[in-house]
Amino acid sequence: MATRSARVVLLGTSLTAGLGLDPEKAYPALLQQKADSAGYAVRIVNAGLSGETSAGALRRAGWVLDQPAALVVLEVGANDGLRGVDPDSTYANIVALVKVVRTQRPEADVALVQMEAPTNLGGSYTTRFHEAYPRAAKVTGVTLLPFLLEGVAGDARLNQADGIHPNPEGSKRVAETVWRGLSPLLAKVSRR
């Protein structure tokens, strides 16, 4: 008996794409391994793109969602924070992205990954940036996952030389963080 795999799309930045890593060491590939071990009938699709802003993700979402999706995970905004984009703009783009997903793939569940801005932009900016995510999750009703780089950001042992992108060990930590929040959603879409 052949099993149908639910398609799970991770729409994100270079952090999702796995910049500087072998593809099998990027966190989406590690999530696939965890899902396989857990017996979830899912196929995780890495739709990460280096340098992408939330506005870029919004422009790209239409063709990324040309194929069916049971779950769409949005890892957006990291580059907004690095570029000092107004958090209200990031918030609006996230809300619009969720709308695109729901319009194009109404069958899909949606999850949003919490991102953080670098502290060099000041306390007010980092607070507003942080708050854009729970606010967007609340207004759209999507699941908010933990900060992608929890326990990895700022730790030289877990990052590549650029200090931004996780190394293989950091990528394992990212996969653990995402798995905690994503596992129940994967179990749900796997049973459909």
N, C-alpha and C. Protein backbone atom coordinates (compact mmCIF):
# COMPACT_ATOMS: atom_id res chain seq x y z
N MET A 1 0.85 -1.18 0.00
CA MET A 1 0.00 0.00 0.00
C MET A 1 0.89 1.24 0.00
N ALA A 2 0.69 2.10 -0.97
CA ALA A 2 1.49 3.34 -1.07
C ALA A 2 0.92 4.39 -0.12
N THR A 3 1.80 5.11 0.52
CA THR A 3 1.34 6.17 1.42
C THR A 3 1.45 7.51 0.72
N ARG A 4 0.42 8.30 0.89
CA ARG A 4 0.43 9.65 0.32
C ARG A 4 1.08 10.56 1.35
N SER A 5 2.04 11.34 0.90
CA SER A 5 2.72 12.26 1.80
C SER A 5 2.12 13.65 1.69
N ALA A 6 1.81 14.24 2.84
CA ALA A 6 1.34 15.62 2.87
C ALA A 6 2.53 16.53 2.59
N ARG A 7 2.32 17.49 1.71
CA ARG A 7 3.40 18.41 1.32
C ARG A 7 3.46 19.57 2.31
N VAL A 8 4.63 19.77 2.92
CA VAL A 8 4.86 20.83 3.89
C VAL A 8 5.89 21.80 3.30
N VAL A 9 5.48 23.03 3.08
CA VAL A 9 6.34 24.01 2.43
C VAL A 9 6.92 24.96 3.46
N LEU A 10 8.24 25.06 3.50
CA LEU A 10 8.93 26.01 4.37
C LEU A 10 9.37 27.18 3.51
N LEU A 11 8.61 28.27 3.58
CA LEU A 11 8.91 29.48 2.82
C LEU A 11 9.76 30.36 3.70
N GLY A 12 11.02 30.60 3.30
CA GLY A 12 11.90 31.33 4.19
C GLY A 12 13.09 31.98 3.51
N THR A 13 14.03 32.35 4.35
CA THR A 13 15.23 33.08 3.96
C THR A 13 16.41 32.12 3.82
N SER A 14 17.61 32.67 3.82
CA SER A 14 18.83 31.86 3.76
C SER A 14 18.94 30.93 4.96
N LEU A 15 18.29 31.28 6.07
CA LEU A 15 18.31 30.42 7.25
C LEU A 15 17.60 29.10 6.95
N THR A 16 16.52 29.17 6.18
CA THR A 16 15.80 27.97 5.75
C THR A 16 16.53 27.30 4.59
N ALA A 17 17.01 28.12 3.66
CA ALA A 17 17.73 27.57 2.49
C ALA A 17 18.97 26.78 2.92
N GLY A 18 19.55 27.15 4.07
CA GLY A 18 20.74 26.46 4.56
C GLY A 18 22.02 27.02 3.97
N LEU A 19 22.07 28.35 3.81
CA LEU A 19 23.26 28.99 3.26
C LEU A 19 24.53 28.50 3.95
N GLY A 20 25.50 28.08 3.14
CA GLY A 20 26.79 27.62 3.67
C GLY A 20 26.80 26.19 4.18
N LEU A 21 25.67 25.49 4.07
CA LEU A 21 25.59 24.11 4.54
C LEU A 21 25.31 23.17 3.36
N ASP A 22 25.72 21.92 3.51
CA ASP A 22 25.26 20.90 2.57
C ASP A 22 23.75 20.80 2.75
N PRO A 23 22.99 20.64 1.66
CA PRO A 23 21.53 20.62 1.78
C PRO A 23 20.99 19.65 2.84
N GLU A 24 21.65 18.51 3.00
CA GLU A 24 21.16 17.53 3.98
C GLU A 24 21.43 17.94 5.43
N LYS A 25 22.20 19.02 5.61
CA LYS A 25 22.47 19.52 6.97
C LYS A 25 21.63 20.75 7.32
N ALA A 26 20.89 21.27 6.34
CA ALA A 26 20.01 22.41 6.60
C ALA A 26 18.84 21.92 7.46
N TYR A 27 18.28 22.81 8.28
CA TYR A 27 17.26 22.35 9.21
C TYR A 27 16.02 21.73 8.54
N PRO A 28 15.58 22.15 7.33
CA PRO A 28 14.43 21.45 6.73
C PRO A 28 14.71 19.96 6.48
N ALA A 29 15.93 19.63 6.05
CA ALA A 29 16.29 18.22 5.82
C ALA A 29 16.31 17.47 7.15
N LEU A 30 16.78 18.13 8.20
CA LEU A 30 16.80 17.49 9.53
C LEU A 30 15.38 17.28 10.05
N LEU A 31 14.47 18.22 9.74
CA LEU A 31 13.07 18.06 10.11
C LEU A 31 12.46 16.86 9.38
N GLN A 32 12.84 16.69 8.11
CA GLN A 32 12.34 15.55 7.34
C GLN A 32 12.78 14.25 8.00
N GLN A 33 14.04 14.19 8.45
CA GLN A 33 14.53 12.99 9.13
C GLN A 33 13.72 12.71 10.40
N LYS A 34 13.44 13.77 11.16
CA LYS A 34 12.66 13.62 12.40
C LYS A 34 11.24 13.15 12.08
N ALA A 35 10.64 13.73 11.03
CA ALA A 35 9.29 13.34 10.64
C ALA A 35 9.25 11.88 10.19
N ASP A 36 10.26 11.47 9.43
CA ASP A 36 10.34 10.08 8.98
C ASP A 36 10.46 9.14 10.19
N SER A 37 11.32 9.51 11.14
CA SER A 37 11.51 8.69 12.35
C SER A 37 10.23 8.59 13.17
N ALA A 38 9.44 9.67 13.16
CA ALA A 38 8.19 9.69 13.92
C ALA A 38 7.05 9.00 13.17
N GLY A 39 7.31 8.60 11.92
CA GLY A 39 6.30 7.92 11.13
C GLY A 39 5.27 8.85 10.51
N TYR A 40 5.59 10.14 10.39
CA TYR A 40 4.67 11.09 9.78
C TYR A 40 4.78 11.01 8.26
N ALA A 41 3.65 10.93 7.59
CA ALA A 41 3.63 10.86 6.13
C ALA A 41 3.63 12.28 5.56
N VAL A 42 4.80 12.92 5.64
CA VAL A 42 4.95 14.28 5.15
C VAL A 42 6.18 14.38 4.27
N ARG A 43 6.13 15.34 3.34
CA ARG A 43 7.31 15.64 2.51
C ARG A 43 7.60 17.11 2.71
N ILE A 44 8.73 17.40 3.32
CA ILE A 44 9.10 18.78 3.63
C ILE A 44 9.84 19.38 2.44
N VAL A 45 9.33 20.50 1.97
CA VAL A 45 9.88 21.20 0.81
C VAL A 45 10.59 22.46 1.28
N ASN A 46 11.87 22.56 0.99
CA ASN A 46 12.66 23.72 1.37
C ASN A 46 12.49 24.80 0.30
N ALA A 47 11.73 25.84 0.64
CA ALA A 47 11.53 26.98 -0.27
C ALA A 47 12.20 28.22 0.31
N GLY A 48 13.42 28.03 0.83
CA GLY A 48 14.20 29.14 1.34
C GLY A 48 14.95 29.85 0.23
N LEU A 49 15.12 31.15 0.38
CA LEU A 49 15.82 31.95 -0.62
C LEU A 49 16.70 32.98 0.10
N SER A 50 17.99 32.95 -0.18
CA SER A 50 18.92 33.87 0.48
C SER A 50 18.58 35.32 0.17
N GLY A 51 18.63 36.14 1.19
CA GLY A 51 18.44 37.58 1.04
C GLY A 51 16.99 38.03 0.99
N GLU A 52 16.06 37.10 1.09
CA GLU A 52 14.66 37.47 0.92
C GLU A 52 14.11 38.24 2.12
N THR A 53 13.38 39.29 1.81
CA THR A 53 12.66 40.08 2.81
C THR A 53 11.22 39.57 2.88
N SER A 54 10.46 40.08 3.83
CA SER A 54 9.05 39.69 3.90
C SER A 54 8.31 40.16 2.64
N ALA A 55 8.69 41.30 2.09
CA ALA A 55 8.08 41.79 0.85
C ALA A 55 8.42 40.86 -0.31
N GLY A 56 9.64 40.37 -0.36
CA GLY A 56 10.05 39.42 -1.39
C GLY A 56 9.29 38.11 -1.28
N ALA A 57 9.11 37.63 -0.05
CA ALA A 57 8.36 36.40 0.17
C ALA A 57 6.92 36.56 -0.30
N LEU A 58 6.37 37.74 -0.06
CA LEU A 58 5.00 38.02 -0.49
C LEU A 58 4.90 37.97 -2.02
N ARG A 59 5.89 38.53 -2.70
CA ARG A 59 5.90 38.50 -4.17
C ARG A 59 6.09 37.09 -4.71
N ARG A 60 6.85 36.27 -4.01
CA ARG A 60 7.21 34.92 -4.47
C ARG A 60 6.18 33.86 -4.08
N ALA A 61 5.35 34.16 -3.10
CA ALA A 61 4.45 33.15 -2.53
C ALA A 61 3.54 32.51 -3.57
N GLY A 62 3.05 33.30 -4.52
CA GLY A 62 2.13 32.77 -5.52
C GLY A 62 2.67 31.58 -6.27
N TRP A 63 3.90 31.69 -6.79
CA TRP A 63 4.43 30.56 -7.55
C TRP A 63 4.95 29.45 -6.65
N VAL A 64 5.37 29.77 -5.42
CA VAL A 64 5.79 28.72 -4.49
C VAL A 64 4.60 27.82 -4.16
N LEU A 65 3.41 28.42 -4.13
CA LEU A 65 2.20 27.69 -3.76
C LEU A 65 1.45 27.12 -4.97
N ASP A 66 2.11 27.08 -6.12
CA ASP A 66 1.50 26.46 -7.30
C ASP A 66 1.19 24.98 -7.08
N GLN A 67 2.01 24.34 -6.28
CA GLN A 67 1.81 22.92 -5.94
C GLN A 67 0.98 22.82 -4.67
N PRO A 68 0.29 21.70 -4.47
CA PRO A 68 -0.51 21.52 -3.25
C PRO A 68 0.36 21.66 -1.99
N ALA A 69 -0.28 22.05 -0.90
CA ALA A 69 0.40 22.15 0.39
C ALA A 69 -0.60 21.85 1.50
N ALA A 70 -0.20 21.00 2.43
CA ALA A 70 -1.03 20.70 3.59
C ALA A 70 -0.69 21.64 4.74
N LEU A 71 0.55 22.13 4.73
CA LEU A 71 1.04 23.03 5.78
C LEU A 71 2.07 23.96 5.16
N VAL A 72 1.97 25.24 5.48
CA VAL A 72 2.95 26.22 5.02
C VAL A 72 3.55 26.87 6.26
N VAL A 73 4.87 26.82 6.35
CA VAL A 73 5.59 27.42 7.46
C VAL A 73 6.30 28.66 6.94
N LEU A 74 6.01 29.80 7.54
CA LEU A 74 6.57 31.08 7.12
C LEU A 74 7.73 31.47 8.02
N GLU A 75 8.94 31.45 7.48
CA GLU A 75 10.14 31.93 8.19
C GLU A 75 10.56 33.19 7.43
N VAL A 76 9.98 34.30 7.81
CA VAL A 76 10.21 35.55 7.09
C VAL A 76 10.57 36.67 8.05
N GLY A 77 11.24 37.68 7.52
CA GLY A 77 11.52 38.88 8.29
C GLY A 77 12.93 39.03 8.81
N ALA A 78 13.74 37.96 8.78
CA ALA A 78 15.10 38.08 9.29
C ALA A 78 15.87 39.19 8.57
N ASN A 79 15.71 39.24 7.25
CA ASN A 79 16.41 40.27 6.49
C ASN A 79 15.78 41.65 6.66
N ASP A 80 14.49 41.69 7.00
CA ASP A 80 13.85 42.97 7.34
C ASP A 80 14.56 43.56 8.55
N GLY A 81 14.76 42.70 9.57
CA GLY A 81 15.42 43.15 10.79
C GLY A 81 16.85 43.61 10.55
N LEU A 82 17.57 42.88 9.70
CA LEU A 82 18.95 43.26 9.40
C LEU A 82 19.02 44.59 8.65
N ARG A 83 17.98 44.88 7.87
CA ARG A 83 17.96 46.11 7.07
C ARG A 83 17.22 47.26 7.76
N GLY A 84 16.69 47.02 8.94
CA GLY A 84 15.99 48.07 9.65
C GLY A 84 14.64 48.45 9.05
N VAL A 85 14.00 47.49 8.37
CA VAL A 85 12.67 47.73 7.80
C VAL A 85 11.69 48.01 8.94
N ASP A 86 10.78 48.95 8.73
CA ASP A 86 9.79 49.29 9.74
C ASP A 86 9.02 48.02 10.14
N PRO A 87 8.97 47.70 11.45
CA PRO A 87 8.26 46.50 11.90
C PRO A 87 6.78 46.48 11.49
N ASP A 88 6.17 47.65 11.33
CA ASP A 88 4.78 47.68 10.87
C ASP A 88 4.67 47.15 9.44
N SER A 89 5.69 47.40 8.64
CA SER A 89 5.73 46.89 7.27
C SER A 89 5.89 45.38 7.27
N THR A 90 6.78 44.88 8.13
CA THR A 90 6.98 43.44 8.25
C THR A 90 5.68 42.78 8.69
N TYR A 91 5.02 43.36 9.68
CA TYR A 91 3.74 42.85 10.17
C TYR A 91 2.72 42.78 9.03
N ALA A 92 2.59 43.86 8.28
CA ALA A 92 1.62 43.92 7.18
C ALA A 92 1.94 42.86 6.12
N ASN A 93 3.22 42.65 5.84
CA ASN A 93 3.61 41.64 4.85
C ASN A 93 3.28 40.23 5.35
N ILE A 94 3.49 39.98 6.63
CA ILE A 94 3.17 38.65 7.19
C ILE A 94 1.66 38.40 7.08
N VAL A 95 0.86 39.38 7.47
CA VAL A 95 -0.59 39.24 7.39
C VAL A 95 -1.02 39.00 5.94
N ALA A 96 -0.43 39.75 5.01
CA ALA A 96 -0.75 39.58 3.59
C ALA A 96 -0.30 38.20 3.08
N LEU A 97 0.84 37.72 3.56
CA LEU A 97 1.34 36.39 3.17
C LEU A 97 0.36 35.31 3.59
N VAL A 98 -0.12 35.40 4.82
CA VAL A 98 -1.09 34.42 5.31
C VAL A 98 -2.34 34.45 4.43
N LYS A 99 -2.76 35.64 4.05
CA LYS A 99 -3.93 35.77 3.17
C LYS A 99 -3.69 35.10 1.83
N VAL A 100 -2.50 35.27 1.26
CA VAL A 100 -2.16 34.62 -0.01
C VAL A 100 -2.22 33.10 0.14
N VAL A 101 -1.65 32.58 1.23
CA VAL A 101 -1.68 31.14 1.45
C VAL A 101 -3.13 30.66 1.54
N ARG A 102 -3.92 31.36 2.32
CA ARG A 102 -5.31 30.92 2.52
C ARG A 102 -6.16 31.06 1.26
N THR A 103 -5.81 32.00 0.42
CA THR A 103 -6.54 32.17 -0.84
C THR A 103 -6.14 31.09 -1.83
N GLN A 104 -4.83 30.86 -1.95
CA GLN A 104 -4.33 29.92 -2.95
C GLN A 104 -4.39 28.47 -2.49
N ARG A 105 -4.21 28.25 -1.20
CA ARG A 105 -4.20 26.89 -0.64
C ARG A 105 -5.08 26.86 0.61
N PRO A 106 -6.41 26.99 0.44
CA PRO A 106 -7.30 27.06 1.60
C PRO A 106 -7.26 25.81 2.48
N GLU A 107 -6.79 24.70 1.92
CA GLU A 107 -6.69 23.46 2.69
C GLU A 107 -5.49 23.45 3.63
N ALA A 108 -4.57 24.37 3.45
CA ALA A 108 -3.30 24.34 4.19
C ALA A 108 -3.41 25.00 5.57
N ASP A 109 -2.79 24.35 6.54
CA ASP A 109 -2.56 24.99 7.83
C ASP A 109 -1.37 25.92 7.64
N VAL A 110 -1.25 26.93 8.51
CA VAL A 110 -0.16 27.90 8.40
C VAL A 110 0.49 28.07 9.77
N ALA A 111 1.81 28.10 9.77
CA ALA A 111 2.57 28.39 10.98
C ALA A 111 3.56 29.52 10.67
N LEU A 112 3.80 30.34 11.66
CA LEU A 112 4.71 31.48 11.54
C LEU A 112 5.85 31.29 12.54
N VAL A 113 7.08 31.42 12.06
CA VAL A 113 8.25 31.29 12.92
C VAL A 113 8.61 32.67 13.48
N GLN A 114 8.74 32.76 14.79
CA GLN A 114 9.15 34.01 15.44
C GLN A 114 10.57 34.35 15.01
N MET A 115 10.78 35.59 14.61
CA MET A 115 12.12 36.07 14.29
C MET A 115 12.40 37.26 15.20
N GLU A 116 13.67 37.61 15.34
CA GLU A 116 14.09 38.73 16.17
C GLU A 116 15.02 39.63 15.36
N ALA A 117 15.02 40.90 15.74
CA ALA A 117 15.92 41.87 15.10
C ALA A 117 17.20 41.97 15.91
N PRO A 118 18.31 42.34 15.26
CA PRO A 118 19.55 42.54 16.01
C PRO A 118 19.39 43.70 16.98
N THR A 119 20.08 43.63 18.09
CA THR A 119 19.93 44.63 19.14
C THR A 119 20.55 45.98 18.81
N ASN A 120 21.39 46.04 17.77
CA ASN A 120 22.08 47.29 17.45
C ASN A 120 21.13 48.37 16.90
N LEU A 121 19.87 48.02 16.64
CA LEU A 121 18.91 48.99 16.13
C LEU A 121 18.14 49.68 17.25
N GLY A 122 18.47 49.34 18.48
CA GLY A 122 17.83 50.00 19.63
C GLY A 122 16.68 49.19 20.20
N GLY A 123 16.43 49.43 21.48
CA GLY A 123 15.41 48.68 22.22
C GLY A 123 14.01 48.84 21.66
N SER A 124 13.66 50.05 21.26
CA SER A 124 12.32 50.29 20.74
C SER A 124 12.09 49.49 19.46
N TYR A 125 13.07 49.51 18.56
CA TYR A 125 12.94 48.78 17.30
C TYR A 125 12.83 47.28 17.56
N THR A 126 13.74 46.73 18.39
CA THR A 126 13.73 45.28 18.61
C THR A 126 12.44 44.84 19.28
N THR A 127 11.89 45.64 20.18
CA THR A 127 10.62 45.31 20.82
C THR A 127 9.48 45.32 19.80
N ARG A 128 9.41 46.37 18.99
CA ARG A 128 8.36 46.46 17.97
C ARG A 128 8.47 45.31 16.96
N PHE A 129 9.71 44.98 16.59
CA PHE A 129 9.93 43.88 15.65
C PHE A 129 9.44 42.57 16.26
N HIS A 130 9.86 42.30 17.49
CA HIS A 130 9.45 41.07 18.18
C HIS A 130 7.92 40.98 18.24
N GLU A 131 7.28 42.07 18.63
CA GLU A 131 5.83 42.06 18.84
C GLU A 131 5.03 41.92 17.54
N ALA A 132 5.64 42.20 16.40
CA ALA A 132 4.95 42.05 15.12
C ALA A 132 4.50 40.61 14.89
N TYR A 133 5.26 39.66 15.40
CA TYR A 133 4.98 38.24 15.14
C TYR A 133 3.78 37.72 15.94
N PRO A 134 3.77 37.87 17.27
CA PRO A 134 2.58 37.41 17.99
C PRO A 134 1.31 38.18 17.58
N ARG A 135 1.48 39.44 17.23
CA ARG A 135 0.34 40.24 16.77
C ARG A 135 -0.20 39.69 15.46
N ALA A 136 0.70 39.38 14.51
CA ALA A 136 0.28 38.81 13.22
C ALA A 136 -0.34 37.43 13.42
N ALA A 137 0.25 36.62 14.30
CA ALA A 137 -0.30 35.28 14.56
C ALA A 137 -1.70 35.38 15.15
N LYS A 138 -1.88 36.32 16.06
CA LYS A 138 -3.19 36.48 16.71
C LYS A 138 -4.25 36.93 15.72
N VAL A 139 -3.93 37.94 14.91
CA VAL A 139 -4.92 38.49 13.99
C VAL A 139 -5.27 37.52 12.86
N THR A 140 -4.33 36.63 12.49
CA THR A 140 -4.58 35.69 11.40
C THR A 140 -4.99 34.30 11.91
N GLY A 141 -4.77 34.04 13.19
CA GLY A 141 -5.12 32.74 13.75
C GLY A 141 -4.15 31.62 13.40
N VAL A 142 -2.91 31.96 13.02
CA VAL A 142 -1.93 30.93 12.70
C VAL A 142 -1.14 30.54 13.95
N THR A 143 -0.50 29.40 13.89
CA THR A 143 0.35 28.92 14.98
C THR A 143 1.66 29.68 14.97
N LEU A 144 2.06 30.21 16.13
CA LEU A 144 3.35 30.89 16.25
C LEU A 144 4.37 29.91 16.82
N LEU A 145 5.42 29.67 16.06
CA LEU A 145 6.50 28.78 16.49
C LEU A 145 7.57 29.60 17.21
N PRO A 146 8.42 28.96 18.02
CA PRO A 146 9.46 29.70 18.74
C PRO A 146 10.46 30.39 17.82
N PHE A 147 11.24 31.29 18.41
CA PHE A 147 12.31 31.99 17.69
C PHE A 147 13.22 30.96 17.04
N LEU A 148 13.40 31.09 15.73
CA LEU A 148 14.15 30.11 14.94
C LEU A 148 15.55 29.85 15.51
N LEU A 149 16.24 30.92 15.90
CA LEU A 149 17.63 30.80 16.32
C LEU A 149 17.79 30.78 17.85
N GLU A 150 16.74 30.33 18.54
CA GLU A 150 16.78 30.22 20.00
C GLU A 150 17.97 29.35 20.41
N GLY A 151 18.82 29.89 21.28
CA GLY A 151 19.98 29.16 21.74
C GLY A 151 21.11 29.07 20.72
N VAL A 152 20.94 29.67 19.54
CA VAL A 152 21.95 29.62 18.49
C VAL A 152 22.49 31.01 18.19
N ALA A 153 21.59 31.99 18.08
CA ALA A 153 22.00 33.37 17.76
C ALA A 153 23.02 33.86 18.79
N GLY A 154 24.09 34.42 18.30
CA GLY A 154 25.11 35.00 19.17
C GLY A 154 26.10 34.00 19.74
N ASP A 155 25.94 32.73 19.47
CA ASP A 155 26.86 31.71 19.98
C ASP A 155 27.81 31.31 18.85
N ALA A 156 29.06 31.79 18.94
CA ALA A 156 30.04 31.56 17.88
C ALA A 156 30.26 30.07 17.59
N ARG A 157 30.09 29.22 18.61
CA ARG A 157 30.29 27.78 18.41
C ARG A 157 29.22 27.15 17.52
N LEU A 158 28.08 27.84 17.37
CA LEU A 158 26.96 27.27 16.63
C LEU A 158 26.69 27.98 15.30
N ASN A 159 27.57 28.94 14.96
CA ASN A 159 27.38 29.71 13.74
C ASN A 159 28.60 29.65 12.85
N GLN A 160 28.35 29.92 11.57
CA GLN A 160 29.44 30.03 10.62
C GLN A 160 30.21 31.31 10.90
N ALA A 161 31.28 31.52 10.16
CA ALA A 161 32.16 32.67 10.40
C ALA A 161 31.43 34.01 10.28
N ASP A 162 30.33 34.06 9.52
CA ASP A 162 29.59 35.33 9.37
C ASP A 162 28.83 35.72 10.63
N GLY A 163 28.72 34.79 11.59
CA GLY A 163 28.03 35.07 12.84
C GLY A 163 26.51 35.12 12.71
N ILE A 164 25.98 34.82 11.54
CA ILE A 164 24.53 34.92 11.29
C ILE A 164 23.91 33.56 10.97
N HIS A 165 24.60 32.78 10.14
CA HIS A 165 24.04 31.52 9.66
C HIS A 165 24.56 30.34 10.48
N PRO A 166 23.67 29.48 10.93
CA PRO A 166 24.10 28.34 11.75
C PRO A 166 25.04 27.40 10.99
N ASN A 167 25.98 26.85 11.74
CA ASN A 167 26.84 25.80 11.21
C ASN A 167 26.08 24.47 11.39
N PRO A 168 26.66 23.32 11.00
CA PRO A 168 25.91 22.06 11.13
C PRO A 168 25.39 21.80 12.55
N GLU A 169 26.18 22.12 13.55
CA GLU A 169 25.73 21.90 14.93
C GLU A 169 24.59 22.86 15.28
N GLY A 170 24.71 24.11 14.85
CA GLY A 170 23.65 25.09 15.08
C GLY A 170 22.38 24.70 14.35
N SER A 171 22.53 24.14 13.16
CA SER A 171 21.37 23.72 12.38
C SER A 171 20.61 22.60 13.10
N LYS A 172 21.33 21.72 13.77
CA LYS A 172 20.67 20.67 14.57
C LYS A 172 19.84 21.30 15.68
N ARG A 173 20.39 22.33 16.31
CA ARG A 173 19.68 23.02 17.39
C ARG A 173 18.43 23.72 16.83
N VAL A 174 18.55 24.35 15.65
CA VAL A 174 17.40 24.99 15.01
C VAL A 174 16.31 23.96 14.72
N ALA A 175 16.71 22.80 14.20
CA ALA A 175 15.74 21.74 13.90
C ALA A 175 15.01 21.30 15.17
N GLU A 176 15.73 21.19 16.28
CA GLU A 176 15.10 20.82 17.56
C GLU A 176 14.07 21.86 17.98
N THR A 177 14.44 23.14 17.85
CA THR A 177 13.54 24.23 18.23
C THR A 177 12.28 24.21 17.38
N VAL A 178 12.44 24.11 16.08
CA VAL A 178 11.29 24.11 15.18
C VAL A 178 10.44 22.86 15.41
N TRP A 179 11.09 21.73 15.61
CA TRP A 179 10.38 20.47 15.80
C TRP A 179 9.42 20.53 16.98
N ARG A 180 9.83 21.18 18.07
CA ARG A 180 8.98 21.27 19.27
C ARG A 180 7.60 21.81 18.92
N GLY A 181 7.55 22.88 18.13
CA GLY A 181 6.28 23.48 17.80
C GLY A 181 5.61 22.87 16.58
N LEU A 182 6.42 22.34 15.67
CA LEU A 182 5.91 21.86 14.39
C LEU A 182 5.40 20.42 14.46
N SER A 183 5.95 19.62 15.35
CA SER A 183 5.60 18.20 15.42
C SER A 183 4.09 17.95 15.53
N PRO A 184 3.35 18.66 16.40
CA PRO A 184 1.90 18.41 16.46
C PRO A 184 1.20 18.75 15.14
N LEU A 185 1.66 19.78 14.45
CA LEU A 185 1.07 20.15 13.17
C LEU A 185 1.37 19.10 12.10
N LEU A 186 2.59 18.58 12.12
CA LEU A 186 2.96 17.52 11.17
C LEU A 186 2.14 16.26 11.43
N ALA A 187 1.94 15.93 12.70
CA ALA A 187 1.12 14.77 13.05
C ALA A 187 -0.29 14.94 12.51
N LYS A 188 -0.83 16.14 12.64
CA LYS A 188 -2.19 16.45 12.18
C LYS A 188 -2.32 16.31 10.66
N VAL A 189 -1.40 16.96 9.90
CA VAL A 189 -1.51 16.90 8.44
C VAL A 189 -1.16 15.52 7.91
N SER A 190 -0.36 14.77 8.64
CA SER A 190 0.01 13.41 8.25
C SER A 190 -1.20 12.48 8.28
N ARG A 191 -2.16 12.78 9.17
CA ARG A 191 -3.34 11.91 9.33
C ARG A 191 -4.44 12.23 8.33
N ARG A 192 -4.32 13.33 7.60
CA ARG A 192 -5.40 13.73 6.66
C ARG A 192 -5.53 12.76 5.51
